[in-house]
Amino acid sequence: MLGRILSKVRAPKDASNAVRETSQKAYPVRIEDGTASETGAIVGIDDKANRRLLRKIDRKLLPVFCVTYTLQFYGKAILGQATIFGLAKDLHLIDGLQYSWVTLIFYFGYIIGTYPLSLMAQRYPPRIVITSIFFLWSATIIVSPALNSYRWMLINRFFLGFIGSGVSPIFMLDARGFTDEEQRLLLERMKRNNAGGENRQFKAYQLREALLDYHFWGIMILSTTTCTGSGVVGAFGSIMFKAMGFDIFASMLLNLPIGALAVTSILVSGYLERVIPNARLYIIALSCFPVMIGCALLWKLDNANTAGRIAGFYMISIFCAAWIQCIGLGTSNVAGYTKKAVYAAGTFIGYSMGNIIGPLIFDAQWSPHYGPSFMGLMICFSICFTTALALRFMLVRENERRDRDFGPPTTSHGLEDLTDRENKSFRYNL
């Protein structure tokens, strides 16, 4: 995004015309010859302009994201619905972990395919790569009804994950559709966040710094543990309801509140993060409580207590409130172009690992109650709760140390390709 903006931004001939009337909260950014520097035009951004620009970004991105991710998620979740219609019986997915492997192998493909497909999007036009991905993905789904064995189902699910892995990394913000003034304001937003500029040169020291940073591994643990819930809800929801004695269509209908609770928990999580300063890690920890309570109900209640077990399963879907905050930690709470890429990759690897671990703890030998499986899931979210609070404690100490040693943060290095460790004005979102 930044490279496209910088290629278009130039200092105006009359610098006085570039000075905008701003409030006292405005921060200056100087742009000359397409780069942020210490000389050139001054561009200010006030709260009103900032909100207007943010709304425009949301209008351009959110509809595409919502439609695409809805279809992508449904493509993964449909396996659980197909199972109660006889898929598991027809393909003999009833022994041990066979069904779990059909579910989780998707994410092995997801991990393996992320890098090569992202590389293709850098070498070729993203619109062509994305179109090709959707075409191949559709073809892979269309042939699914023709599969007649466990082996072919594994191959099909692996390639679904491999092909679909390119969607999330490729969807980047494109500066087209923004005026020259708005492009300058986009730069100012990045500078005020001390997020660093775009430098596509790979920097080994940033990779090394990321891998040695406790913050990175904390986010990896949070992403992995929260997404164990995703692997369970998506793959085993219909199966659990059918095991309680409901027919096929009733089992499908009982899945509807899961989606409603997921959407509600995401919206509430986002709202709380917006109105309560530095509450992101607290929200993650708080979101673990209903999930752990739900797991405890499913672990201890017998199958005769249908209402209690349904309520417990619904409570697991609140994991979405924690996961949405993990995404924010992995993308906006770090600086340095290479280091950001490592954090983003780590977040998605954690997402995949969680979706692998979740189905693995659901062995068919514990069917239909799956008591030990829900105990294992409860342990995962206990780890998530502890990690969130420990990570927040360490980041608070780091912010306080920087305030004490270096004083209030400034924006003087906001567009330089410095990591959050190098830029002492960077403050961690808590």
Protein backbone atom coordinates (compact mmCIF):
# COMPACT_ATOMS: atom_id res chain seq x y z
CA MET A 1 0.00 0.00 0.00
CA LEU A 2 2.65 2.53 1.06
CA GLY A 3 4.73 1.96 -2.07
CA ARG A 4 1.77 2.85 -4.30
CA ILE A 5 1.02 5.97 -2.26
CA LEU A 6 4.63 7.15 -2.20
CA SER A 7 4.90 6.71 -5.96
CA LYS A 8 2.06 9.21 -6.41
CA VAL A 9 2.77 11.74 -3.69
CA ARG A 10 4.95 14.73 -4.67
CA ALA A 11 5.65 18.01 -2.92
CA PRO A 12 3.57 20.79 -4.49
CA LYS A 13 5.30 23.71 -6.19
CA ASP A 14 3.77 26.17 -3.75
CA ALA A 15 4.27 24.74 -0.31
CA SER A 16 1.95 27.29 1.21
CA ASN A 17 -0.97 25.74 -0.65
CA ALA A 18 -0.19 22.42 0.97
CA VAL A 19 -0.73 23.67 4.49
CA ARG A 20 -4.18 22.71 5.67
CA GLU A 21 -6.11 24.26 8.53
CA THR A 22 -5.88 21.74 11.33
CA SER A 23 -6.76 21.54 14.96
CA GLN A 24 -4.18 21.72 17.69
CA LYS A 25 -4.10 17.92 17.63
CA ALA A 26 -2.73 17.82 14.09
CA TYR A 27 0.68 16.26 13.49
CA PRO A 28 2.85 17.25 10.51
CA VAL A 29 4.34 14.86 7.96
CA ARG A 30 6.85 16.07 5.40
CA ILE A 31 6.92 14.49 1.97
CA GLU A 32 9.42 15.23 -0.77
CA ASP A 33 10.22 13.28 -3.92
CA GLY A 34 7.88 10.51 -2.88
CA THR A 35 9.47 9.80 0.48
CA ALA A 36 8.93 10.97 3.99
CA SER A 37 11.75 13.29 4.93
CA GLU A 38 12.62 16.26 7.00
CA THR A 39 11.81 18.77 4.27
CA GLY A 40 8.93 19.26 1.93
CA ALA A 41 5.20 19.77 2.10
CA ILE A 42 3.50 19.70 5.46
CA VAL A 43 0.32 17.69 5.67
CA GLY A 44 -1.83 17.80 8.79
CA ILE A 45 -4.64 15.49 9.82
CA ASP A 46 -7.28 16.44 12.33
CA ASP A 47 -9.84 14.23 14.01
CA LYS A 48 -12.59 15.03 11.49
CA ALA A 49 -10.40 14.23 8.47
CA ASN A 50 -9.14 11.11 10.19
CA ARG A 51 -12.68 9.79 10.78
CA ARG A 52 -13.71 10.62 7.20
CA LEU A 53 -10.72 8.75 5.79
CA LEU A 54 -11.32 5.78 8.08
CA ARG A 55 -14.94 5.53 6.93
CA LYS A 56 -13.83 5.54 3.30
CA ILE A 57 -11.30 2.77 3.95
CA ASP A 58 -14.02 0.73 5.68
CA ARG A 59 -16.47 1.24 2.80
CA LYS A 60 -13.91 -0.01 0.29
CA LEU A 61 -12.67 -3.00 2.25
CA LEU A 62 -15.31 -4.36 4.61
CA PRO A 63 -17.92 -5.47 2.01
CA VAL A 64 -15.30 -7.42 0.07
CA PHE A 65 -13.87 -8.95 3.23
CA CYS A 66 -17.28 -9.94 4.60
CA VAL A 67 -18.50 -11.64 1.41
CA THR A 68 -15.21 -13.39 0.70
CA TYR A 69 -14.59 -14.69 4.21
CA THR A 70 -18.21 -15.77 4.59
CA LEU A 71 -17.94 -17.96 1.49
CA GLN A 72 -14.48 -19.16 2.51
CA PHE A 73 -15.64 -20.16 5.99
CA TYR A 74 -18.75 -21.88 4.68
CA GLY A 75 -16.58 -23.92 2.33
CA LYS A 76 -14.75 -25.26 5.39
CA ALA A 77 -17.77 -25.62 7.68
CA ILE A 78 -19.87 -27.58 5.17
CA LEU A 79 -17.89 -30.75 5.94
CA GLY A 80 -19.57 -31.07 9.34
CA GLN A 81 -23.01 -30.76 7.74
CA ALA A 82 -22.17 -33.30 5.04
CA THR A 83 -21.10 -35.75 7.72
CA ILE A 84 -24.55 -36.02 9.31
CA PHE A 85 -26.00 -36.63 5.83
CA GLY A 86 -23.97 -39.84 5.57
CA LEU A 87 -20.55 -38.73 4.33
CA ALA A 88 -18.69 -40.29 7.26
CA LYS A 89 -20.51 -43.60 6.85
CA ASP A 90 -20.08 -43.74 3.06
CA LEU A 91 -16.34 -43.06 3.27
CA HIS A 92 -15.90 -45.15 6.44
CA LEU A 93 -14.76 -42.18 8.53
CA ILE A 94 -15.96 -43.77 11.74
CA ASP A 95 -12.78 -45.28 13.18
CA GLY A 96 -10.35 -43.44 15.46
CA LEU A 97 -9.19 -40.09 14.15
CA GLN A 98 -10.08 -40.51 10.47
CA TYR A 99 -12.75 -37.81 10.47
CA SER A 100 -10.48 -35.55 12.50
CA TRP A 101 -7.72 -35.96 9.90
CA VAL A 102 -10.12 -35.08 7.08
CA THR A 103 -10.85 -31.88 8.98
CA LEU A 104 -7.35 -30.89 10.03
CA ILE A 105 -5.42 -31.76 6.85
CA PHE A 106 -7.02 -28.66 5.32
CA TYR A 107 -4.80 -26.57 7.59
CA PHE A 108 -1.61 -28.43 6.69
CA GLY A 109 -2.34 -27.36 3.12
CA TYR A 110 -3.09 -23.86 4.40
CA ILE A 111 0.32 -23.57 6.09
CA ILE A 112 2.25 -24.97 3.11
CA GLY A 113 0.45 -22.86 0.51
CA THR A 114 0.61 -19.45 2.19
CA TYR A 115 4.17 -18.53 1.15
CA PRO A 116 4.18 -19.63 -2.53
CA LEU A 117 0.79 -18.06 -3.26
CA SER A 118 1.78 -14.82 -1.54
CA LEU A 119 4.97 -14.81 -3.63
CA MET A 120 2.90 -15.23 -6.80
CA ALA A 121 0.82 -12.20 -5.83
CA GLN A 122 4.02 -10.13 -5.65
CA ARG A 123 5.26 -11.25 -9.06
CA TYR A 124 1.94 -11.19 -10.92
CA PRO A 125 -1.12 -8.88 -10.75
CA PRO A 126 -3.09 -9.76 -7.58
CA ARG A 127 -6.41 -9.63 -9.45
CA ILE A 128 -5.21 -12.45 -11.74
CA VAL A 129 -3.85 -14.52 -8.86
CA ILE A 130 -7.02 -14.13 -6.78
CA THR A 131 -9.26 -14.96 -9.75
CA SER A 132 -7.19 -18.07 -10.45
CA ILE A 133 -7.40 -19.10 -6.80
CA PHE A 134 -11.19 -18.84 -6.77
CA PHE A 135 -11.46 -20.77 -10.04
CA LEU A 136 -9.26 -23.62 -8.79
CA TRP A 137 -10.96 -23.62 -5.41
CA SER A 138 -14.40 -23.87 -7.03
CA ALA A 139 -13.23 -26.73 -9.23
CA THR A 140 -11.84 -28.59 -6.21
CA ILE A 141 -15.13 -28.21 -4.33
CA ILE A 142 -17.19 -29.28 -7.35
CA VAL A 143 -15.36 -32.62 -7.61
CA SER A 144 -15.96 -33.36 -3.91
CA PRO A 145 -19.21 -35.33 -4.48
CA ALA A 146 -17.30 -37.74 -6.75
CA LEU A 147 -14.88 -38.79 -4.00
CA ASN A 148 -15.35 -42.40 -2.96
CA SER A 149 -12.60 -43.13 -0.46
CA TYR A 150 -10.87 -41.80 2.62
CA ARG A 151 -7.62 -41.29 0.68
CA TRP A 152 -9.20 -39.13 -2.02
CA MET A 153 -11.01 -37.08 0.60
CA LEU A 154 -7.68 -36.35 2.32
CA ILE A 155 -6.15 -35.24 -0.99
CA ASN A 156 -9.15 -33.06 -1.80
CA ARG A 157 -9.16 -31.35 1.60
CA PHE A 158 -5.40 -30.76 1.48
CA PHE A 159 -5.63 -28.93 -1.84
CA LEU A 160 -8.64 -26.93 -0.65
CA GLY A 161 -6.44 -25.61 2.14
CA PHE A 162 -3.43 -25.11 -0.14
CA ILE A 163 -5.39 -23.14 -2.74
CA GLY A 164 -7.42 -21.14 -0.23
CA SER A 165 -4.36 -20.11 1.79
CA GLY A 166 -3.61 -17.27 -0.62
CA VAL A 167 -6.82 -15.35 0.02
CA SER A 168 -5.97 -13.75 3.38
CA PRO A 169 -2.36 -12.66 2.65
CA ILE A 170 -3.18 -11.32 -0.84
CA PHE A 171 -6.06 -9.05 0.24
CA MET A 172 -4.05 -5.89 0.86
CA LEU A 173 -5.22 -2.30 0.88
CA ASP A 174 -4.87 -0.75 -2.59
CA ALA A 175 -4.46 3.02 -2.75
CA ARG A 176 -6.48 3.35 -5.94
CA GLY A 177 -9.66 5.33 -5.41
CA PHE A 178 -8.06 7.80 -3.00
CA THR A 179 -7.31 11.41 -3.91
CA ASP A 180 -3.78 12.84 -3.63
CA GLU A 181 -4.76 14.57 -0.39
CA GLU A 182 -6.19 11.35 1.05
CA GLN A 183 -3.03 9.46 0.10
CA ARG A 184 -0.99 11.99 2.06
CA LEU A 185 -3.34 11.56 5.00
CA LEU A 186 -2.92 7.78 4.80
CA LEU A 187 0.80 8.34 5.23
CA GLU A 188 0.15 10.59 8.21
CA ARG A 189 -2.01 7.92 9.87
CA MET A 190 0.85 5.45 9.54
CA LYS A 191 3.34 7.96 10.89
CA ARG A 192 1.22 8.79 13.93
CA ASN A 193 1.00 5.06 14.72
CA ASN A 194 4.83 4.73 14.49
CA ALA A 195 4.05 1.70 12.30
CA GLY A 196 7.08 2.17 10.03
CA GLY A 197 7.29 2.51 6.28
CA GLU A 198 7.26 -0.03 3.51
CA ASN A 199 10.67 -1.44 2.59
CA ARG A 200 10.41 -4.63 0.57
CA GLN A 201 14.06 -5.48 1.19
CA PHE A 202 14.29 -8.55 3.42
CA LYS A 203 16.15 -7.73 6.62
CA ALA A 204 17.54 -10.76 8.40
CA TYR A 205 18.03 -8.93 11.67
CA GLN A 206 14.29 -8.15 11.84
CA LEU A 207 13.51 -11.84 11.33
CA ARG A 208 15.96 -12.74 14.08
CA GLU A 209 14.53 -10.08 16.37
CA ALA A 210 10.99 -11.37 15.81
CA LEU A 211 11.91 -14.98 16.55
CA LEU A 212 13.67 -13.96 19.77
CA ASP A 213 10.85 -11.68 20.92
CA TYR A 214 8.60 -12.97 23.72
CA HIS A 215 5.83 -10.84 22.21
CA PHE A 216 5.89 -12.95 19.01
CA TRP A 217 5.66 -16.25 20.86
CA GLY A 218 2.93 -14.89 23.10
CA ILE A 219 0.83 -14.05 20.05
CA MET A 220 1.57 -17.49 18.58
CA ILE A 221 0.31 -19.18 21.76
CA LEU A 222 -2.79 -16.96 21.89
CA SER A 223 -3.62 -17.61 18.22
CA THR A 224 -3.13 -21.36 18.56
CA THR A 225 -5.14 -21.81 21.74
CA THR A 226 -8.07 -19.59 20.72
CA CYS A 227 -8.41 -21.34 17.35
CA THR A 228 -8.73 -24.78 18.90
CA GLY A 229 -12.32 -23.66 19.48
CA SER A 230 -12.73 -22.96 15.76
CA GLY A 231 -11.63 -26.47 14.85
CA VAL A 232 -14.21 -27.93 17.23
CA VAL A 233 -17.24 -25.72 16.51
CA GLY A 234 -16.91 -25.92 12.73
CA ALA A 235 -16.25 -29.64 12.43
CA PHE A 236 -18.19 -31.22 15.29
CA GLY A 237 -21.25 -29.01 15.84
CA SER A 238 -23.71 -30.98 13.72
CA ILE A 239 -22.23 -34.28 14.90
CA MET A 240 -22.69 -33.32 18.56
CA PHE A 241 -26.31 -32.30 18.07
CA LYS A 242 -27.13 -35.46 16.14
CA ALA A 243 -25.54 -37.55 18.90
CA MET A 244 -27.96 -35.89 21.37
CA GLY A 245 -30.86 -37.48 19.50
CA PHE A 246 -31.89 -34.72 17.07
CA ASP A 247 -32.64 -35.55 13.46
CA ILE A 248 -30.56 -34.21 10.57
CA PHE A 249 -32.48 -31.02 9.90
CA ALA A 250 -32.90 -30.18 13.59
CA SER A 251 -29.14 -30.61 14.00
CA MET A 252 -28.56 -28.13 11.19
CA LEU A 253 -30.99 -25.63 12.70
CA LEU A 254 -29.26 -25.89 16.07
CA ASN A 255 -26.10 -24.60 14.36
CA LEU A 256 -27.73 -21.24 13.62
CA PRO A 257 -27.27 -19.74 17.10
CA ILE A 258 -23.56 -20.59 16.90
CA GLY A 259 -23.13 -18.17 14.01
CA ALA A 260 -25.28 -15.53 15.71
CA LEU A 261 -23.24 -15.77 18.92
CA ALA A 262 -19.99 -15.60 16.95
CA VAL A 263 -21.06 -12.40 15.16
CA THR A 264 -22.31 -10.86 18.40
CA SER A 265 -19.14 -11.70 20.30
CA ILE A 266 -16.97 -10.20 17.54
CA LEU A 267 -18.98 -6.96 17.52
CA VAL A 268 -18.96 -6.69 21.31
CA SER A 269 -15.24 -7.44 21.42
CA GLY A 270 -14.49 -4.76 18.83
CA TYR A 271 -16.71 -2.22 20.60
CA LEU A 272 -15.09 -2.82 23.98
CA GLU A 273 -11.60 -2.50 22.48
CA ARG A 274 -12.62 0.81 20.95
CA VAL A 275 -14.20 2.43 24.00
CA ILE A 276 -11.89 1.04 26.71
CA PRO A 277 -8.25 2.10 26.25
CA ASN A 278 -5.61 -0.64 26.37
CA ALA A 279 -8.11 -3.42 27.03
CA ARG A 280 -7.24 -5.80 24.18
CA LEU A 281 -5.46 -8.44 26.25
CA TYR A 282 -8.03 -8.13 29.04
CA ILE A 283 -10.75 -8.85 26.45
CA ILE A 284 -8.89 -11.98 25.33
CA ALA A 285 -8.60 -13.20 28.92
CA LEU A 286 -12.24 -12.37 29.71
CA SER A 287 -13.45 -14.17 26.57
CA CYS A 288 -11.84 -17.39 27.78
CA PHE A 289 -14.20 -17.68 30.78
CA PRO A 290 -17.45 -18.54 28.92
CA VAL A 291 -15.55 -20.99 26.72
CA MET A 292 -14.08 -22.76 29.75
CA ILE A 293 -17.51 -22.86 31.43
CA GLY A 294 -19.01 -24.36 28.27
CA CYS A 295 -16.28 -27.01 28.13
CA ALA A 296 -16.85 -27.86 31.80
CA LEU A 297 -20.58 -28.36 31.15
CA LEU A 298 -19.90 -30.65 28.19
CA TRP A 299 -17.27 -32.54 30.16
CA LYS A 300 -19.36 -33.21 33.26
CA LEU A 301 -22.99 -33.32 32.06
CA ASP A 302 -24.24 -36.63 30.69
CA ASN A 303 -26.06 -36.99 27.38
CA ALA A 304 -29.46 -36.96 29.09
CA ASN A 305 -28.97 -33.30 30.04
CA THR A 306 -29.59 -32.05 26.51
CA ALA A 307 -30.30 -28.40 27.34
CA GLY A 308 -27.16 -28.03 29.44
CA ARG A 309 -24.93 -29.60 26.79
CA ILE A 310 -26.40 -27.44 24.02
CA ALA A 311 -25.83 -24.32 26.12
CA GLY A 312 -22.26 -25.43 26.81
CA PHE A 313 -21.54 -25.95 23.13
CA TYR A 314 -22.96 -22.54 22.26
CA MET A 315 -20.67 -20.91 24.82
CA ILE A 316 -17.60 -22.25 23.01
CA SER A 317 -18.41 -20.05 19.99
CA ILE A 318 -17.50 -16.98 22.07
CA PHE A 319 -13.86 -17.85 21.31
CA CYS A 320 -14.31 -15.49 18.32
CA ALA A 321 -14.11 -12.50 20.68
CA ALA A 322 -10.58 -13.54 21.65
CA TRP A 323 -9.46 -14.50 18.15
CA ILE A 324 -10.41 -11.15 16.61
CA GLN A 325 -8.18 -9.41 19.17
CA CYS A 326 -5.31 -11.79 18.39
CA ILE A 327 -5.46 -10.69 14.76
CA GLY A 328 -5.08 -7.08 15.85
CA LEU A 329 -2.12 -7.92 18.07
CA GLY A 330 -0.39 -9.72 15.22
CA THR A 331 -0.75 -6.90 12.70
CA SER A 332 -0.84 -3.53 14.45
CA ASN A 333 1.26 -4.08 17.57
CA VAL A 334 4.61 -4.42 15.80
CA ALA A 335 6.81 -2.26 13.56
CA GLY A 336 9.39 -3.00 10.86
CA TYR A 337 8.37 -4.32 7.43
CA THR A 338 10.10 -7.70 7.67
CA LYS A 339 9.15 -8.11 11.32
CA LYS A 340 5.51 -7.33 10.52
CA ALA A 341 5.55 -10.04 7.85
CA VAL A 342 6.94 -12.54 10.37
CA TYR A 343 4.25 -11.63 12.92
CA ALA A 344 1.49 -11.90 10.31
CA ALA A 345 2.79 -15.31 9.25
CA GLY A 346 3.01 -16.40 12.88
CA THR A 347 -0.58 -15.35 13.51
CA PHE A 348 -1.87 -17.42 10.58
CA ILE A 349 0.35 -20.37 11.51
CA GLY A 350 -1.13 -20.22 15.00
CA TYR A 351 -4.61 -20.11 13.43
CA SER A 352 -3.80 -23.24 11.42
CA MET A 353 -2.19 -25.05 14.35
CA GLY A 354 -5.23 -24.38 16.52
CA ASN A 355 -7.52 -25.80 13.85
CA ILE A 356 -5.25 -28.85 13.69
CA ILE A 357 -5.08 -29.43 17.45
CA GLY A 358 -8.84 -28.99 17.98
CA PRO A 359 -9.98 -31.97 15.86
CA LEU A 360 -7.06 -34.12 17.04
CA ILE A 361 -8.32 -34.15 20.62
CA PHE A 362 -11.71 -35.47 19.42
CA ASP A 363 -11.06 -39.18 19.03
CA ALA A 364 -13.99 -41.36 17.95
CA GLN A 365 -13.33 -43.69 20.93
CA TRP A 366 -14.83 -40.98 23.16
CA SER A 367 -17.95 -40.54 21.02
CA PRO A 368 -20.70 -39.48 21.53
CA HIS A 369 -19.96 -37.75 24.86
CA TYR A 370 -16.38 -36.60 24.12
CA GLY A 371 -15.80 -35.79 27.81
CA PRO A 372 -11.97 -36.02 27.72
CA SER A 373 -11.95 -33.96 24.52
CA PHE A 374 -13.75 -31.04 26.14
CA MET A 375 -11.44 -31.30 29.13
CA GLY A 376 -8.50 -30.89 26.72
CA LEU A 377 -10.18 -27.90 25.10
CA MET A 378 -10.70 -26.33 28.52
CA ILE A 379 -6.97 -26.71 29.23
CA CYS A 380 -6.16 -24.92 25.94
CA PHE A 381 -8.24 -21.90 26.93
CA SER A 382 -6.76 -21.92 30.43
CA ILE A 383 -3.36 -21.53 28.75
CA CYS A 384 -4.78 -18.71 26.62
CA PHE A 385 -6.09 -16.91 29.71
CA THR A 386 -2.76 -17.15 31.53
CA THR A 387 -0.73 -16.12 28.46
CA ALA A 388 -2.88 -13.04 27.81
CA LEU A 389 -2.41 -11.71 31.34
CA ALA A 390 1.31 -12.54 31.41
CA LEU A 391 1.89 -10.85 28.05
CA ARG A 392 0.02 -7.75 29.16
CA PHE A 393 2.08 -7.55 32.35
CA MET A 394 5.34 -7.64 30.38
CA LEU A 395 4.18 -5.09 27.77
CA VAL A 396 3.00 -2.69 30.49
CA ARG A 397 6.45 -2.86 32.07
CA GLU A 398 8.09 -2.20 28.69
CA ASN A 399 5.88 0.84 28.00
CA GLU A 400 6.60 2.24 31.46
CA ARG A 401 10.34 1.70 30.97
CA ARG A 402 10.27 3.60 27.66
CA ASP A 403 8.33 6.48 29.20
CA ARG A 404 10.82 6.64 32.03
CA ASP A 405 14.00 6.35 29.91
CA PHE A 406 13.02 8.15 26.69
CA GLY A 407 10.14 10.44 27.58
CA PRO A 408 6.85 10.92 25.70
CA PRO A 409 6.61 9.30 22.23
CA THR A 410 7.18 11.39 19.08
CA THR A 411 6.50 10.81 15.37
CA SER A 412 10.00 11.71 14.13
CA HIS A 413 10.71 8.11 13.03
CA GLY A 414 7.12 7.16 12.18
CA LEU A 415 7.74 6.26 8.52
CA GLU A 416 11.22 4.76 8.85
CA ASP A 417 11.62 1.00 8.56
CA LEU A 418 12.46 0.56 12.23
CA THR A 419 11.22 -2.25 14.42
CA ASP A 420 9.27 -1.62 17.59
CA ARG A 421 12.44 -2.44 19.54
CA GLU A 422 14.51 0.12 17.60
CA ASN A 423 11.92 2.91 17.64
CA LYS A 424 11.76 4.00 21.27
CA SER A 425 8.66 6.10 20.52
CA PHE A 426 6.67 2.95 19.78
CA ARG A 427 4.16 2.09 22.50
CA TYR A 428 2.48 -1.30 22.67
CA ASN A 429 -1.29 -1.57 22.52
CA LEU A 430 -2.39 -3.49 25.57
